[in-house]
């Protein structure tokens, strides 16, 4: 398996794992009503971009010839930081204890982020070694797909923010 396909698999697994933890879903049931709506919305926007962006990047790395590692590395770093600050009780803090299933999934996400970062760094190093620019197409999406993804992202952010505020 090539590095870009490993990165694609790790991105898809990380994004799927993140999807399982959407506030209001079956696993994330903590109360974040003490936070202002703008803080929760901002955090949910970041998580939504991270998750949807990971799915899109995984598609291009797995089924196209896109193999630049920088975006995959940034996604891996994003996952690592999100899970580390939550597991470290830094943000977001809730009066409700973290459910065991959420704890397990966050550790899984943290563990998945490490090889993703390593593979991404390897991809960057390979690219710096002289890989031809022709093998690196831009990531382009059709306008209807962008509109659909924007609508989906908006729905996710509204749902997750409302659920997090409702406790």
C-alpha atoms as a PDB file:
ATOM      1  CA  UNK A   1       0.000   0.000   0.000  1.00  0.00           C
ATOM      2  CA  UNK A   2       1.367   3.410  -0.932  1.00  0.00           C
ATOM      3  CA  UNK A   3       1.809   6.245   1.549  1.00  0.00           C
ATOM      4  CA  UNK A   4      -1.034   8.285   0.098  1.00  0.00           C
ATOM      5  CA  UNK A   5      -3.420   5.336   0.408  1.00  0.00           C
ATOM      6  CA  UNK A   6      -2.378   4.824   4.028  1.00  0.00           C
ATOM      7  CA  UNK A   7      -2.978   8.528   4.636  1.00  0.00           C
ATOM      8  CA  UNK A   8      -6.377   8.248   2.927  1.00  0.00           C
ATOM      9  CA  UNK A   9      -7.370   5.317   5.140  1.00  0.00           C
ATOM     10  CA  UNK A  10      -6.239   7.122   8.301  1.00  0.00           C
ATOM     11  CA  UNK A  11      -8.096  10.290   7.256  1.00  0.00           C
ATOM     12  CA  UNK A  12     -11.307   8.357   6.566  1.00  0.00           C
ATOM     13  CA  UNK A  13     -11.069   6.420   9.846  1.00  0.00           C
ATOM     14  CA  UNK A  14     -10.368   9.625  11.777  1.00  0.00           C
ATOM     15  CA  UNK A  15     -13.299  11.429  10.175  1.00  0.00           C
ATOM     16  CA  UNK A  16     -15.669   8.511  10.763  1.00  0.00           C
ATOM     17  CA  UNK A  17     -14.530   8.304  14.387  1.00  0.00           C
ATOM     18  CA  UNK A  18     -15.182  12.043  14.784  1.00  0.00           C
ATOM     19  CA  UNK A  19     -18.671  11.644  13.301  1.00  0.00           C
ATOM     20  CA  UNK A  20     -19.564   9.207  16.069  1.00  0.00           C
ATOM     21  CA  UNK A  21     -18.948  11.942  18.635  1.00  0.00           C
ATOM     22  CA  UNK A  22     -21.242  14.692  17.322  1.00  0.00           C
ATOM     23  CA  UNK A  23     -23.030  16.405  20.238  1.00  0.00           C
ATOM     24  CA  UNK A  24     -26.605  15.195  20.443  1.00  0.00           C
ATOM     25  CA  UNK A  25     -25.638  11.832  19.010  1.00  0.00           C
ATOM     26  CA  UNK A  26     -25.585   8.517  20.829  1.00  0.00           C
ATOM     27  CA  UNK A  27     -22.160   9.049  22.451  1.00  0.00           C
ATOM     28  CA  UNK A  28     -21.548  12.749  23.199  1.00  0.00           C
ATOM     29  CA  UNK A  29     -24.109  13.749  25.820  1.00  0.00           C
ATOM     30  CA  UNK A  30     -22.200  16.235  27.977  1.00  0.00           C
ATOM     31  CA  UNK A  31     -23.608  19.636  28.883  1.00  0.00           C
ATOM     32  CA  UNK A  32     -21.779  22.636  27.446  1.00  0.00           C
ATOM     33  CA  UNK A  33     -24.525  25.192  28.116  1.00  0.00           C
ATOM     34  CA  UNK A  34     -22.132  27.338  30.184  1.00  0.00           C
ATOM     35  CA  UNK A  35     -20.259  28.303  27.008  1.00  0.00           C
ATOM     36  CA  UNK A  36     -21.490  31.178  24.842  1.00  0.00           C
ATOM     37  CA  UNK A  37     -23.147  30.055  21.607  1.00  0.00           C
ATOM     38  CA  UNK A  38     -20.422  31.741  19.545  1.00  0.00           C
ATOM     39  CA  UNK A  39     -17.704  29.647  21.234  1.00  0.00           C
ATOM     40  CA  UNK A  40     -19.609  26.405  20.672  1.00  0.00           C
ATOM     41  CA  UNK A  41     -20.462  27.358  17.091  1.00  0.00           C
ATOM     42  CA  UNK A  42     -16.826  28.244  16.375  1.00  0.00           C
ATOM     43  CA  UNK A  43     -15.603  24.951  17.800  1.00  0.00           C
ATOM     44  CA  UNK A  44     -18.270  23.033  15.875  1.00  0.00           C
ATOM     45  CA  UNK A  45     -17.311  24.841  12.657  1.00  0.00           C
ATOM     46  CA  UNK A  46     -13.698  23.764  13.195  1.00  0.00           C
ATOM     47  CA  UNK A  47     -14.716  20.155  13.890  1.00  0.00           C
ATOM     48  CA  UNK A  48     -17.057  20.091  10.886  1.00  0.00           C
ATOM     49  CA  UNK A  49     -14.393  21.448   8.533  1.00  0.00           C
ATOM     50  CA  UNK A  50     -11.916  18.944   9.988  1.00  0.00           C
ATOM     51  CA  UNK A  51     -14.289  16.001   9.503  1.00  0.00           C
ATOM     52  CA  UNK A  52     -15.723  16.864   6.087  1.00  0.00           C
ATOM     53  CA  UNK A  53     -12.331  18.065   4.887  1.00  0.00           C
ATOM     54  CA  UNK A  54     -10.807  14.756   5.957  1.00  0.00           C
ATOM     55  CA  UNK A  55     -13.407  12.785   4.006  1.00  0.00           C
ATOM     56  CA  UNK A  56     -12.776  14.909   0.896  1.00  0.00           C
ATOM     57  CA  UNK A  57      -9.002  14.685   1.250  1.00  0.00           C
ATOM     58  CA  UNK A  58      -9.231  10.922   1.845  1.00  0.00           C
ATOM     59  CA  UNK A  59     -11.187  10.562  -1.402  1.00  0.00           C
ATOM     60  CA  UNK A  60      -8.618  12.508  -3.402  1.00  0.00           C
ATOM     61  CA  UNK A  61      -5.671  10.711  -1.818  1.00  0.00           C
ATOM     62  CA  UNK A  62      -7.225   7.264  -2.099  1.00  0.00           C
ATOM     63  CA  UNK A  63      -8.885   7.373  -5.500  1.00  0.00           C
ATOM     64  CA  UNK A  64      -7.066  10.161  -7.310  1.00  0.00           C
ATOM     65  CA  UNK A  65      -3.383  10.901  -7.627  1.00  0.00           C
ATOM     66  CA  UNK A  66      -3.317  13.646  -4.994  1.00  0.00           C
ATOM     67  CA  UNK A  67      -0.482  12.887  -2.606  1.00  0.00           C
ATOM     68  CA  UNK A  68       0.608  16.148  -0.988  1.00  0.00           C
ATOM     69  CA  UNK A  69       1.030  15.509   2.699  1.00  0.00           C
ATOM     70  CA  UNK A  70       0.672  19.021   4.116  1.00  0.00           C
ATOM     71  CA  UNK A  71      -3.129  18.986   4.362  1.00  0.00           C
ATOM     72  CA  UNK A  72      -3.133  15.455   5.778  1.00  0.00           C
ATOM     73  CA  UNK A  73      -0.549  16.526   8.342  1.00  0.00           C
ATOM     74  CA  UNK A  74      -2.605  19.552   9.352  1.00  0.00           C
ATOM     75  CA  UNK A  75      -5.667  17.323   9.726  1.00  0.00           C
ATOM     76  CA  UNK A  76      -3.676  14.870  11.856  1.00  0.00           C
ATOM     77  CA  UNK A  77      -2.441  17.728  14.011  1.00  0.00           C
ATOM     78  CA  UNK A  78      -6.009  19.043  14.310  1.00  0.00           C
ATOM     79  CA  UNK A  79      -7.280  15.666  15.485  1.00  0.00           C
ATOM     80  CA  UNK A  80      -4.402  15.311  17.943  1.00  0.00           C
ATOM     81  CA  UNK A  81      -4.979  18.739  19.507  1.00  0.00           C
ATOM     82  CA  UNK A  82      -8.777  18.343  19.703  1.00  0.00           C
ATOM     83  CA  UNK A  83      -8.554  15.011  21.496  1.00  0.00           C
ATOM     84  CA  UNK A  84      -5.599  15.983  23.701  1.00  0.00           C
ATOM     85  CA  UNK A  85      -7.293  19.127  25.026  1.00  0.00           C
ATOM     86  CA  UNK A  86     -10.555  17.274  25.676  1.00  0.00           C
ATOM     87  CA  UNK A  87      -8.895  14.275  27.325  1.00  0.00           C
ATOM     88  CA  UNK A  88      -6.762  16.718  29.338  1.00  0.00           C
ATOM     89  CA  UNK A  89      -9.915  18.493  30.586  1.00  0.00           C
ATOM     90  CA  UNK A  90      -8.779  21.785  29.050  1.00  0.00           C
ATOM     91  CA  UNK A  91     -11.599  22.404  26.546  1.00  0.00           C
ATOM     92  CA  UNK A  92     -14.484  21.911  26.385  1.00  0.00           C
ATOM     93  CA  UNK A  93     -15.168  21.488  30.097  1.00  0.00           C
ATOM     94  CA  UNK A  94     -18.512  20.105  31.236  1.00  0.00           C
ATOM     95  CA  UNK A  95     -20.084  19.491  34.644  1.00  0.00           C
ATOM     96  CA  UNK A  96     -21.158  16.113  33.221  1.00  0.00           C
ATOM     97  CA  UNK A  97     -18.441  13.462  33.242  1.00  0.00           C
ATOM     98  CA  UNK A  98     -17.151  12.123  29.934  1.00  0.00           C
ATOM     99  CA  UNK A  99     -19.014   8.904  29.063  1.00  0.00           C
ATOM    100  CA  UNK A 100     -16.800   5.812  28.855  1.00  0.00           C
ATOM    101  CA  UNK A 101     -17.564   5.222  25.142  1.00  0.00           C
ATOM    102  CA  UNK A 102     -16.589   8.810  24.348  1.00  0.00           C
ATOM    103  CA  UNK A 103     -13.372   8.386  26.334  1.00  0.00           C
ATOM    104  CA  UNK A 104     -12.502   5.259  24.327  1.00  0.00           C
ATOM    105  CA  UNK A 105     -13.302   6.921  20.974  1.00  0.00           C
ATOM    106  CA  UNK A 106     -11.262  10.005  21.842  1.00  0.00           C
ATOM    107  CA  UNK A 107      -8.269   7.837  22.734  1.00  0.00           C
ATOM    108  CA  UNK A 108      -8.746   5.975  19.466  1.00  0.00           C
ATOM    109  CA  UNK A 109      -8.805   9.325  17.640  1.00  0.00           C
ATOM    110  CA  UNK A 110      -5.645  10.424  19.423  1.00  0.00           C
ATOM    111  CA  UNK A 111      -3.906   7.164  18.518  1.00  0.00           C
ATOM    112  CA  UNK A 112      -5.032   7.430  14.852  1.00  0.00           C
ATOM    113  CA  UNK A 113      -3.707  10.988  14.617  1.00  0.00           C
ATOM    114  CA  UNK A 114      -0.105   9.988  15.343  1.00  0.00           C
ATOM    115  CA  UNK A 115       0.454   7.672  12.348  1.00  0.00           C
ATOM    116  CA  UNK A 116      -1.497  10.149  10.188  1.00  0.00           C
ATOM    117  CA  UNK A 117       0.979  12.881  11.099  1.00  0.00           C
ATOM    118  CA  UNK A 118       3.935  10.534  10.515  1.00  0.00           C
ATOM    119  CA  UNK A 119       2.667   9.400   7.094  1.00  0.00           C
ATOM    120  CA  UNK A 120       1.929  13.012   6.136  1.00  0.00           C
ATOM    121  CA  UNK A 121       5.465  14.065   7.049  1.00  0.00           C
ATOM    122  CA  UNK A 122       6.801  11.191   4.935  1.00  0.00           C
ATOM    123  CA  UNK A 123       4.638  12.373   2.014  1.00  0.00           C
ATOM    124  CA  UNK A 124       6.017  15.898   2.365  1.00  0.00           C
ATOM    125  CA  UNK A 125       9.568  14.526   2.439  1.00  0.00           C
ATOM    126  CA  UNK A 126       8.925  12.428  -0.691  1.00  0.00           C
ATOM    127  CA  UNK A 127       7.498  15.474  -2.481  1.00  0.00           C
ATOM    128  CA  UNK A 128      10.551  17.536  -1.547  1.00  0.00           C
ATOM    129  CA  UNK A 129      12.707  14.781  -3.000  1.00  0.00           C
ATOM    130  CA  UNK A 130      11.690  15.740  -6.521  1.00  0.00           C
ATOM    131  CA  UNK A 131       8.243  14.337  -7.250  1.00  0.00           C
ATOM    132  CA  UNK A 132       6.949  15.896 -10.444  1.00  0.00           C
ATOM    133  CA  UNK A 133       4.320  18.647 -10.126  1.00  0.00           C
ATOM    134  CA  UNK A 134       2.228  16.957 -12.840  1.00  0.00           C
ATOM    135  CA  UNK A 135       1.425  14.154 -10.384  1.00  0.00           C
ATOM    136  CA  UNK A 136      -0.153  16.679  -8.013  1.00  0.00           C
ATOM    137  CA  UNK A 137      -3.529  17.786  -9.378  1.00  0.00           C
ATOM    138  CA  UNK A 138      -5.486  20.423  -7.528  1.00  0.00           C
ATOM    139  CA  UNK A 139      -8.433  19.391  -5.416  1.00  0.00           C
ATOM    140  CA  UNK A 140     -11.454  20.632  -7.336  1.00  0.00           C
ATOM    141  CA  UNK A 141     -15.104  20.071  -6.527  1.00  0.00           C
ATOM    142  CA  UNK A 142     -18.133  20.791  -8.676  1.00  0.00           C
ATOM    143  CA  UNK A 143     -20.307  23.748  -7.723  1.00  0.00           C
ATOM    144  CA  UNK A 144     -23.353  21.573  -6.824  1.00  0.00           C
ATOM    145  CA  UNK A 145     -21.151  19.431  -4.578  1.00  0.00           C
ATOM    146  CA  UNK A 146     -19.714  22.511  -2.865  1.00  0.00           C
ATOM    147  CA  UNK A 147     -23.241  23.840  -2.275  1.00  0.00           C
ATOM    148  CA  UNK A 148     -24.382  20.460  -0.925  1.00  0.00           C
ATOM    149  CA  UNK A 149     -21.347  20.213   1.362  1.00  0.00           C
ATOM    150  CA  UNK A 150     -21.949  23.765   2.566  1.00  0.00           C
ATOM    151  CA  UNK A 151     -25.558  22.907   3.390  1.00  0.00           C
ATOM    152  CA  UNK A 152     -24.484  19.735   5.164  1.00  0.00           C
ATOM    153  CA  UNK A 153     -21.839  21.626   7.132  1.00  0.00           C
ATOM    154  CA  UNK A 154     -24.366  24.277   8.172  1.00  0.00           C
ATOM    155  CA  UNK A 155     -26.829  21.601   9.315  1.00  0.00           C
ATOM    156  CA  UNK A 156     -24.117  19.808  11.311  1.00  0.00           C
ATOM    157  CA  UNK A 157     -22.948  23.006  13.010  1.00  0.00           C
ATOM    158  CA  UNK A 158     -26.489  24.110  13.907  1.00  0.00           C
ATOM    159  CA  UNK A 159     -27.451  20.645  15.190  1.00  0.00           C
ATOM    160  CA  UNK A 160     -24.233  20.134  17.179  1.00  0.00           C
ATOM    161  CA  UNK A 161     -24.275  23.641  18.663  1.00  0.00           C
ATOM    162  CA  UNK A 162     -27.931  23.379  19.676  1.00  0.00           C
ATOM    163  CA  UNK A 163     -27.360  19.913  21.177  1.00  0.00           C
ATOM    164  CA  UNK A 164     -24.270  21.077  23.095  1.00  0.00           C
ATOM    165  CA  UNK A 165     -26.177  24.064  24.495  1.00  0.00           C
ATOM    166  CA  UNK A 166     -29.204  22.002  25.454  1.00  0.00           C
ATOM    167  CA  UNK A 167     -27.209  19.637  27.628  1.00  0.00           C
END
